Amino acid sequence: MALSPSKFNTFTFFKLPAAWWCGVRLTYIDEQKAVTSVKHRWFNQNPFRSMFWAVQGMAAELSTGAMVIRQIQKSGKNISMLVANNKAAFTKKATGRITFTCEDGHLIEEALQKTIDTGEGQTFWMKSVGVNQDGVKVSTFHFEWTVKIKG
């Protein structure tokens, strides 16, 4: 699967349906950066009329994980990936359209090469920052990804 935003969004419909139904969409991806977007709606809100933290987490994780998937695919190797840990900070009520951007693609290639060379699992942290339509930061997520060559 070539990882264009439209193909990846189709993939989420079948493989990550909770994210798809909540409105999480990949809008941009390259080797260094990925951007996702989700709009606050009745369906994904909390009792305080803002976006539920887990919906923000899905969008943030997708902005990191899509690049990991892309680079694993590019390597041509059979490599597993998994989130081992995450941290989040919420700084403003999330309403309207929230855009998550991760610019940590440079961290992936080194970890993949080490796991290919050594056969040992590797970990690395990636950050995704969510901003509202006015450019105000609403949340920051950090994900610790693990990668390991299979078999």
N, C-alpha and C. Protein backbone atom coordinates (compact mmCIF):
# COMPACT_ATOMS: atom_id res chain seq x y z
N MET A 1 0.85 -1.19 0.00
CA MET A 1 0.00 0.00 0.00
C MET A 1 0.89 1.24 0.00
N ALA A 2 0.79 2.06 -1.03
CA ALA A 2 1.48 3.35 -1.04
C ALA A 2 0.78 4.26 -0.04
N LEU A 3 1.55 4.91 0.78
CA LEU A 3 0.94 5.68 1.87
C LEU A 3 0.65 7.12 1.50
N SER A 4 -0.34 7.32 0.66
CA SER A 4 -0.87 8.65 0.42
C SER A 4 -1.95 8.88 1.47
N PRO A 5 -2.26 10.12 1.78
CA PRO A 5 -3.33 10.35 2.77
C PRO A 5 -4.65 9.66 2.42
N SER A 6 -5.07 9.69 1.17
CA SER A 6 -6.36 9.08 0.84
C SER A 6 -6.33 7.57 1.01
N LYS A 7 -5.25 6.92 0.60
CA LYS A 7 -5.15 5.47 0.79
C LYS A 7 -5.05 5.11 2.27
N PHE A 8 -4.32 5.93 3.02
CA PHE A 8 -4.20 5.65 4.44
C PHE A 8 -5.54 5.83 5.15
N ASN A 9 -6.32 6.82 4.75
CA ASN A 9 -7.64 7.03 5.35
C ASN A 9 -8.58 5.87 5.03
N THR A 10 -8.46 5.30 3.85
CA THR A 10 -9.24 4.10 3.53
C THR A 10 -8.80 2.94 4.42
N PHE A 11 -7.50 2.82 4.62
CA PHE A 11 -6.94 1.80 5.52
C PHE A 11 -7.53 1.97 6.92
N THR A 12 -7.65 3.20 7.42
CA THR A 12 -8.19 3.40 8.78
C THR A 12 -9.64 2.96 8.88
N PHE A 13 -10.39 3.11 7.80
CA PHE A 13 -11.78 2.68 7.83
C PHE A 13 -11.88 1.20 8.17
N PHE A 14 -10.98 0.40 7.59
CA PHE A 14 -11.02 -1.05 7.80
C PHE A 14 -10.23 -1.52 9.01
N LYS A 15 -9.10 -0.88 9.31
CA LYS A 15 -8.21 -1.37 10.36
C LYS A 15 -8.26 -0.56 11.66
N LEU A 16 -8.71 0.67 11.60
CA LEU A 16 -8.83 1.54 12.78
C LEU A 16 -10.20 2.23 12.77
N PRO A 17 -11.28 1.44 12.79
CA PRO A 17 -12.60 2.05 12.59
C PRO A 17 -12.98 3.07 13.66
N ALA A 18 -12.55 2.91 14.90
CA ALA A 18 -12.89 3.89 15.94
C ALA A 18 -12.33 5.26 15.57
N ALA A 19 -11.10 5.29 15.10
CA ALA A 19 -10.50 6.57 14.68
C ALA A 19 -11.26 7.14 13.48
N TRP A 20 -11.58 6.29 12.52
CA TRP A 20 -12.27 6.78 11.33
C TRP A 20 -13.63 7.37 11.68
N TRP A 21 -14.43 6.64 12.50
CA TRP A 21 -15.76 7.14 12.86
C TRP A 21 -15.70 8.40 13.69
N CYS A 22 -14.63 8.58 14.46
CA CYS A 22 -14.48 9.82 15.26
C CYS A 22 -14.03 11.00 14.40
N GLY A 23 -13.66 10.72 13.14
CA GLY A 23 -13.30 11.80 12.23
C GLY A 23 -11.81 12.05 12.08
N VAL A 24 -10.97 11.16 12.59
CA VAL A 24 -9.53 11.32 12.48
C VAL A 24 -9.11 11.03 11.04
N ARG A 25 -8.37 11.98 10.44
CA ARG A 25 -7.92 11.82 9.06
C ARG A 25 -6.46 12.26 8.93
N LEU A 26 -5.70 11.50 8.16
CA LEU A 26 -4.35 11.89 7.79
C LEU A 26 -4.47 12.90 6.65
N THR A 27 -3.84 14.06 6.79
CA THR A 27 -3.94 15.08 5.75
C THR A 27 -2.64 15.30 4.99
N TYR A 28 -1.50 14.91 5.61
CA TYR A 28 -0.20 15.09 4.94
C TYR A 28 0.79 14.10 5.51
N ILE A 29 1.66 13.58 4.65
CA ILE A 29 2.73 12.70 5.12
C ILE A 29 3.91 12.76 4.16
N ASP A 30 5.12 12.82 4.73
CA ASP A 30 6.35 12.60 4.00
C ASP A 30 7.32 11.91 4.94
N GLU A 31 8.60 11.87 4.62
CA GLU A 31 9.56 11.13 5.45
C GLU A 31 9.78 11.77 6.83
N GLN A 32 9.59 13.07 6.93
CA GLN A 32 9.92 13.79 8.16
C GLN A 32 8.72 14.27 8.96
N LYS A 33 7.57 14.39 8.31
CA LYS A 33 6.43 15.06 8.93
C LYS A 33 5.13 14.38 8.54
N ALA A 34 4.21 14.34 9.50
CA ALA A 34 2.85 13.87 9.21
C ALA A 34 1.87 14.76 9.96
N VAL A 35 0.73 14.99 9.33
CA VAL A 35 -0.30 15.86 9.89
C VAL A 35 -1.63 15.12 9.85
N THR A 36 -2.32 15.14 10.99
CA THR A 36 -3.67 14.59 11.06
C THR A 36 -4.62 15.69 11.52
N SER A 37 -5.89 15.45 11.30
CA SER A 37 -6.89 16.44 11.64
C SER A 37 -8.14 15.73 12.16
N VAL A 38 -8.80 16.38 13.10
CA VAL A 38 -10.07 15.86 13.61
C VAL A 38 -10.91 17.06 14.06
N LYS A 39 -12.19 17.00 13.77
CA LYS A 39 -13.09 18.10 14.12
C LYS A 39 -13.94 17.71 15.33
N HIS A 40 -14.04 18.63 16.28
CA HIS A 40 -14.89 18.44 17.44
C HIS A 40 -16.34 18.38 16.97
N ARG A 41 -17.00 17.28 17.35
CA ARG A 41 -18.41 17.09 17.01
C ARG A 41 -19.10 16.45 18.20
N TRP A 42 -20.39 16.36 18.13
CA TRP A 42 -21.16 15.72 19.20
C TRP A 42 -20.66 14.31 19.45
N PHE A 43 -20.34 13.61 18.38
CA PHE A 43 -19.95 12.20 18.46
C PHE A 43 -18.65 11.97 19.23
N ASN A 44 -17.73 12.95 19.22
CA ASN A 44 -16.43 12.73 19.86
C ASN A 44 -16.17 13.68 21.04
N GLN A 45 -17.24 14.20 21.60
CA GLN A 45 -17.06 15.15 22.70
C GLN A 45 -17.19 14.48 24.06
N ASN A 46 -16.70 15.18 25.08
CA ASN A 46 -16.83 14.76 26.47
C ASN A 46 -18.00 15.53 27.10
N PRO A 47 -18.32 15.30 28.36
CA PRO A 47 -19.45 16.01 28.99
C PRO A 47 -19.24 17.53 29.12
N PHE A 48 -18.00 17.99 28.90
CA PHE A 48 -17.69 19.41 29.04
C PHE A 48 -17.71 20.14 27.70
N ARG A 49 -18.25 19.48 26.69
CA ARG A 49 -18.42 20.03 25.34
C ARG A 49 -17.10 20.40 24.67
N SER A 50 -16.11 19.58 24.92
CA SER A 50 -14.86 19.68 24.17
C SER A 50 -14.49 18.27 23.71
N MET A 51 -13.47 18.18 22.90
CA MET A 51 -13.10 16.88 22.33
C MET A 51 -12.55 15.96 23.42
N PHE A 52 -13.05 14.73 23.44
CA PHE A 52 -12.62 13.71 24.38
C PHE A 52 -11.12 13.48 24.21
N TRP A 53 -10.40 13.34 25.31
CA TRP A 53 -8.94 13.21 25.27
C TRP A 53 -8.50 12.02 24.42
N ALA A 54 -9.25 10.93 24.43
CA ALA A 54 -8.86 9.74 23.68
C ALA A 54 -8.94 9.97 22.16
N VAL A 55 -9.86 10.82 21.73
CA VAL A 55 -9.94 11.15 20.30
C VAL A 55 -8.71 11.96 19.91
N GLN A 56 -8.31 12.88 20.76
CA GLN A 56 -7.08 13.63 20.50
C GLN A 56 -5.89 12.66 20.44
N GLY A 57 -5.90 11.69 21.35
CA GLY A 57 -4.82 10.70 21.37
C GLY A 57 -4.76 9.87 20.10
N MET A 58 -5.91 9.49 19.57
CA MET A 58 -5.93 8.73 18.32
C MET A 58 -5.33 9.55 17.18
N ALA A 59 -5.70 10.81 17.10
CA ALA A 59 -5.18 11.67 16.03
C ALA A 59 -3.68 11.89 16.21
N ALA A 60 -3.26 12.12 17.44
CA ALA A 60 -1.83 12.33 17.71
C ALA A 60 -1.03 11.08 17.39
N GLU A 61 -1.51 9.92 17.84
CA GLU A 61 -0.80 8.67 17.59
C GLU A 61 -0.69 8.39 16.09
N LEU A 62 -1.76 8.65 15.36
CA LEU A 62 -1.74 8.43 13.92
C LEU A 62 -0.69 9.30 13.23
N SER A 63 -0.49 10.53 13.72
CA SER A 63 0.51 11.40 13.10
C SER A 63 1.92 10.87 13.30
N THR A 64 2.15 10.09 14.34
CA THR A 64 3.46 9.47 14.54
C THR A 64 3.52 8.11 13.84
N GLY A 65 2.51 7.29 14.06
CA GLY A 65 2.51 5.93 13.56
C GLY A 65 2.47 5.81 12.05
N ALA A 66 1.84 6.75 11.39
CA ALA A 66 1.78 6.69 9.92
C ALA A 66 3.18 6.76 9.33
N MET A 67 4.04 7.59 9.93
CA MET A 67 5.42 7.67 9.43
C MET A 67 6.20 6.39 9.73
N VAL A 68 5.94 5.78 10.89
CA VAL A 68 6.61 4.52 11.22
C VAL A 68 6.20 3.45 10.20
N ILE A 69 4.90 3.35 9.92
CA ILE A 69 4.41 2.39 8.93
C ILE A 69 5.07 2.65 7.57
N ARG A 70 5.12 3.90 7.18
CA ARG A 70 5.69 4.27 5.87
C ARG A 70 7.15 3.84 5.77
N GLN A 71 7.92 4.09 6.83
CA GLN A 71 9.35 3.76 6.77
C GLN A 71 9.59 2.26 6.90
N ILE A 72 8.75 1.55 7.64
CA ILE A 72 8.86 0.08 7.68
C ILE A 72 8.58 -0.47 6.29
N GLN A 73 7.54 0.03 5.66
CA GLN A 73 7.20 -0.42 4.30
C GLN A 73 8.36 -0.14 3.34
N LYS A 74 8.96 1.02 3.47
CA LYS A 74 10.08 1.41 2.60
C LYS A 74 11.29 0.49 2.81
N SER A 75 11.50 0.00 4.04
CA SER A 75 12.65 -0.86 4.34
C SER A 75 12.54 -2.23 3.65
N GLY A 76 11.31 -2.66 3.38
CA GLY A 76 11.11 -3.95 2.77
C GLY A 76 11.28 -5.12 3.72
N LYS A 77 11.47 -4.84 4.99
CA LYS A 77 11.68 -5.88 6.00
C LYS A 77 10.39 -6.13 6.77
N ASN A 78 10.32 -7.30 7.41
CA ASN A 78 9.17 -7.66 8.23
C ASN A 78 9.45 -7.19 9.66
N ILE A 79 8.94 -6.01 10.00
CA ILE A 79 9.24 -5.36 11.28
C ILE A 79 7.92 -5.07 12.00
N SER A 80 7.88 -5.43 13.28
CA SER A 80 6.69 -5.13 14.09
C SER A 80 6.87 -3.77 14.76
N MET A 81 5.75 -3.14 15.07
CA MET A 81 5.76 -1.84 15.75
C MET A 81 4.67 -1.83 16.80
N LEU A 82 4.94 -1.13 17.89
CA LEU A 82 3.98 -1.07 18.98
C LEU A 82 4.27 0.15 19.85
N VAL A 83 3.22 0.79 20.33
CA VAL A 83 3.39 1.87 21.31
C VAL A 83 3.60 1.22 22.67
N ALA A 84 4.71 1.54 23.32
CA ALA A 84 5.02 0.98 24.62
C ALA A 84 4.61 1.92 25.75
N ASN A 85 4.55 3.19 25.45
CA ASN A 85 4.31 4.20 26.48
C ASN A 85 3.78 5.46 25.82
N ASN A 86 3.04 6.25 26.57
CA ASN A 86 2.69 7.57 26.08
C ASN A 86 2.46 8.53 27.24
N LYS A 87 2.65 9.81 26.93
CA LYS A 87 2.42 10.89 27.88
C LYS A 87 1.65 11.98 27.14
N ALA A 88 0.81 12.68 27.88
CA ALA A 88 0.05 13.76 27.24
C ALA A 88 -0.11 14.92 28.20
N ALA A 89 -0.17 16.11 27.63
CA ALA A 89 -0.44 17.33 28.40
C ALA A 89 -1.51 18.11 27.64
N PHE A 90 -2.50 18.59 28.37
CA PHE A 90 -3.61 19.32 27.77
C PHE A 90 -3.56 20.76 28.27
N THR A 91 -3.53 21.72 27.34
CA THR A 91 -3.31 23.11 27.70
C THR A 91 -4.48 24.03 27.39
N LYS A 92 -5.42 23.58 26.59
CA LYS A 92 -6.59 24.39 26.24
C LYS A 92 -7.73 23.46 25.85
N LYS A 93 -8.95 23.93 26.06
CA LYS A 93 -10.13 23.17 25.67
C LYS A 93 -10.10 22.95 24.15
N ALA A 94 -10.28 21.69 23.73
CA ALA A 94 -10.20 21.34 22.31
C ALA A 94 -11.58 21.41 21.67
N THR A 95 -11.81 22.47 20.92
CA THR A 95 -13.04 22.65 20.16
C THR A 95 -12.67 23.06 18.74
N GLY A 96 -13.61 22.88 17.83
CA GLY A 96 -13.33 23.20 16.43
C GLY A 96 -12.48 22.12 15.80
N ARG A 97 -11.74 22.48 14.76
CA ARG A 97 -10.85 21.52 14.09
C ARG A 97 -9.49 21.57 14.78
N ILE A 98 -9.01 20.37 15.16
CA ILE A 98 -7.71 20.25 15.81
C ILE A 98 -6.77 19.53 14.84
N THR A 99 -5.59 20.10 14.65
CA THR A 99 -4.60 19.55 13.74
C THR A 99 -3.38 19.12 14.55
N PHE A 100 -2.98 17.85 14.37
CA PHE A 100 -1.82 17.31 15.06
C PHE A 100 -0.67 17.17 14.07
N THR A 101 0.50 17.67 14.46
CA THR A 101 1.66 17.62 13.60
C THR A 101 2.81 16.94 14.34
N CYS A 102 3.43 15.98 13.67
CA CYS A 102 4.63 15.33 14.17
C CYS A 102 5.73 15.58 13.15
N GLU A 103 6.87 16.06 13.62
CA GLU A 103 8.01 16.32 12.75
C GLU A 103 9.24 15.51 13.18
N ASP A 104 9.01 14.33 13.70
CA ASP A 104 10.09 13.49 14.23
C ASP A 104 10.43 12.31 13.34
N GLY A 105 10.14 12.41 12.05
CA GLY A 105 10.41 11.31 11.14
C GLY A 105 11.87 10.89 11.11
N HIS A 106 12.77 11.82 11.40
CA HIS A 106 14.20 11.53 11.39
C HIS A 106 14.60 10.49 12.43
N LEU A 107 13.79 10.27 13.45
CA LEU A 107 14.12 9.32 14.51
C LEU A 107 13.87 7.87 14.10
N ILE A 108 13.02 7.67 13.11
CA ILE A 108 12.57 6.33 12.76
C ILE A 108 13.64 5.53 12.03
N GLU A 109 14.26 6.13 11.04
CA GLU A 109 15.20 5.40 10.19
C GLU A 109 16.35 4.79 10.99
N GLU A 110 16.90 5.53 11.94
CA GLU A 110 18.00 5.01 12.75
C GLU A 110 17.56 3.80 13.58
N ALA A 111 16.38 3.89 14.19
CA ALA A 111 15.88 2.76 14.99
C ALA A 111 15.63 1.55 14.12
N LEU A 112 15.06 1.75 12.95
CA LEU A 112 14.81 0.63 12.04
C LEU A 112 16.13 -0.02 11.61
N GLN A 113 17.11 0.79 11.28
CA GLN A 113 18.39 0.24 10.84
C GLN A 113 19.06 -0.55 11.97
N LYS A 114 18.97 -0.05 13.20
CA LYS A 114 19.56 -0.77 14.34
C LYS A 114 18.86 -2.10 14.58
N THR A 115 17.55 -2.14 14.47
CA THR A 115 16.85 -3.41 14.68
C THR A 115 17.14 -4.39 13.55
N ILE A 116 17.31 -3.89 12.34
CA ILE A 116 17.68 -4.76 11.21
C ILE A 116 19.09 -5.31 11.41
N ASP A 117 20.02 -4.44 11.81
CA ASP A 117 21.43 -4.84 11.97
C ASP A 117 21.65 -5.79 13.14
N THR A 118 20.96 -5.53 14.27
CA THR A 118 21.23 -6.29 15.50
C THR A 118 20.21 -7.38 15.79
N GLY A 119 19.01 -7.26 15.23
CA GLY A 119 17.94 -8.19 15.55
C GLY A 119 17.27 -7.89 16.88
N GLU A 120 17.73 -6.85 17.56
CA GLU A 120 17.18 -6.46 18.85
C GLU A 120 16.15 -5.35 18.67
N GLY A 121 15.16 -5.34 19.55
CA GLY A 121 14.16 -4.29 19.51
C GLY A 121 14.76 -2.93 19.84
N GLN A 122 14.18 -1.91 19.30
CA GLN A 122 14.62 -0.53 19.53
C GLN A 122 13.42 0.30 19.97
N THR A 123 13.68 1.32 20.76
CA THR A 123 12.62 2.23 21.17
C THR A 123 13.02 3.66 20.85
N PHE A 124 12.03 4.49 20.63
CA PHE A 124 12.26 5.92 20.39
C PHE A 124 10.97 6.67 20.69
N TRP A 125 11.12 7.91 21.12
CA TRP A 125 9.98 8.77 21.46
C TRP A 125 9.70 9.73 20.32
N MET A 126 8.42 9.92 20.03
CA MET A 126 7.99 10.89 19.02
C MET A 126 6.95 11.82 19.65
N LYS A 127 6.96 13.08 19.23
CA LYS A 127 6.05 14.09 19.78
C LYS A 127 5.09 14.56 18.71
N SER A 128 3.83 14.75 19.11
CA SER A 128 2.80 15.32 18.24
C SER A 128 2.11 16.45 18.99
N VAL A 129 2.00 17.59 18.33
CA VAL A 129 1.40 18.77 18.94
C VAL A 129 0.08 19.08 18.25
N GLY A 130 -0.97 19.26 19.05
CA GLY A 130 -2.30 19.59 18.52
C GLY A 130 -2.59 21.06 18.71
N VAL A 131 -3.03 21.70 17.62
CA VAL A 131 -3.41 23.11 17.68
C VAL A 131 -4.82 23.27 17.13
N ASN A 132 -5.52 24.30 17.62
CA ASN A 132 -6.86 24.58 17.11
C ASN A 132 -6.79 25.46 15.87
N GLN A 133 -7.95 25.86 15.36
CA GLN A 133 -8.01 26.66 14.13
C GLN A 133 -7.31 27.99 14.25
N ASP A 134 -7.17 28.51 15.48
CA ASP A 134 -6.50 29.79 15.70
C ASP A 134 -5.00 29.62 15.91
N GLY A 135 -4.49 28.39 15.80
CA GLY A 135 -3.08 28.14 15.99
C GLY A 135 -2.66 28.03 17.45
N VAL A 136 -3.65 27.90 18.36
CA VAL A 136 -3.37 27.79 19.78
C VAL A 136 -3.18 26.32 20.14
N LYS A 137 -2.09 26.04 20.85
CA LYS A 137 -1.79 24.66 21.24
C LYS A 137 -2.83 24.19 22.26
N VAL A 138 -3.45 23.03 21.98
CA VAL A 138 -4.44 22.46 22.90
C VAL A 138 -3.90 21.23 23.63
N SER A 139 -2.97 20.49 23.00
CA SER A 139 -2.42 19.31 23.65
C SER A 139 -1.10 18.90 22.99
N THR A 140 -0.29 18.21 23.77
CA THR A 140 0.97 17.66 23.29
C THR A 140 1.04 16.21 23.74
N PHE A 141 1.30 15.33 22.80
CA PHE A 141 1.40 13.90 23.09
C PHE A 141 2.81 13.41 22.76
N HIS A 142 3.31 12.51 23.59
CA HIS A 142 4.59 11.84 23.35
C HIS A 142 4.31 10.34 23.33
N PHE A 143 4.81 9.67 22.31
CA PHE A 143 4.63 8.22 22.17
C PHE A 143 5.98 7.54 22.09
N GLU A 144 6.15 6.50 22.90
CA GLU A 144 7.35 5.68 22.83
C GLU A 144 7.04 4.49 21.93
N TRP A 145 7.64 4.47 20.76
CA TRP A 145 7.44 3.39 19.81
C TRP A 145 8.52 2.35 19.99
N THR A 146 8.15 1.09 19.82
CA THR A 146 9.12 0.00 19.79
C THR A 146 9.03 -0.64 18.41
N VAL A 147 10.18 -0.98 17.88
CA VAL A 147 10.25 -1.68 16.60
C VAL A 147 11.17 -2.88 16.77
N LYS A 148 10.82 -3.97 16.11
CA LYS A 148 11.64 -5.18 16.20
C LYS A 148 11.46 -5.99 14.92
N ILE A 149 12.56 -6.50 14.43
CA ILE A 149 12.49 -7.34 13.24
C ILE A 149 11.81 -8.66 13.64
N LYS A 150 10.93 -9.12 12.79
CA LYS A 150 10.19 -10.37 13.09
C LYS A 150 10.98 -11.57 12.59
N GLY A 151 10.86 -12.67 13.36
CA GLY A 151 11.34 -13.98 12.99
C GLY A 151 12.78 -14.05 12.65
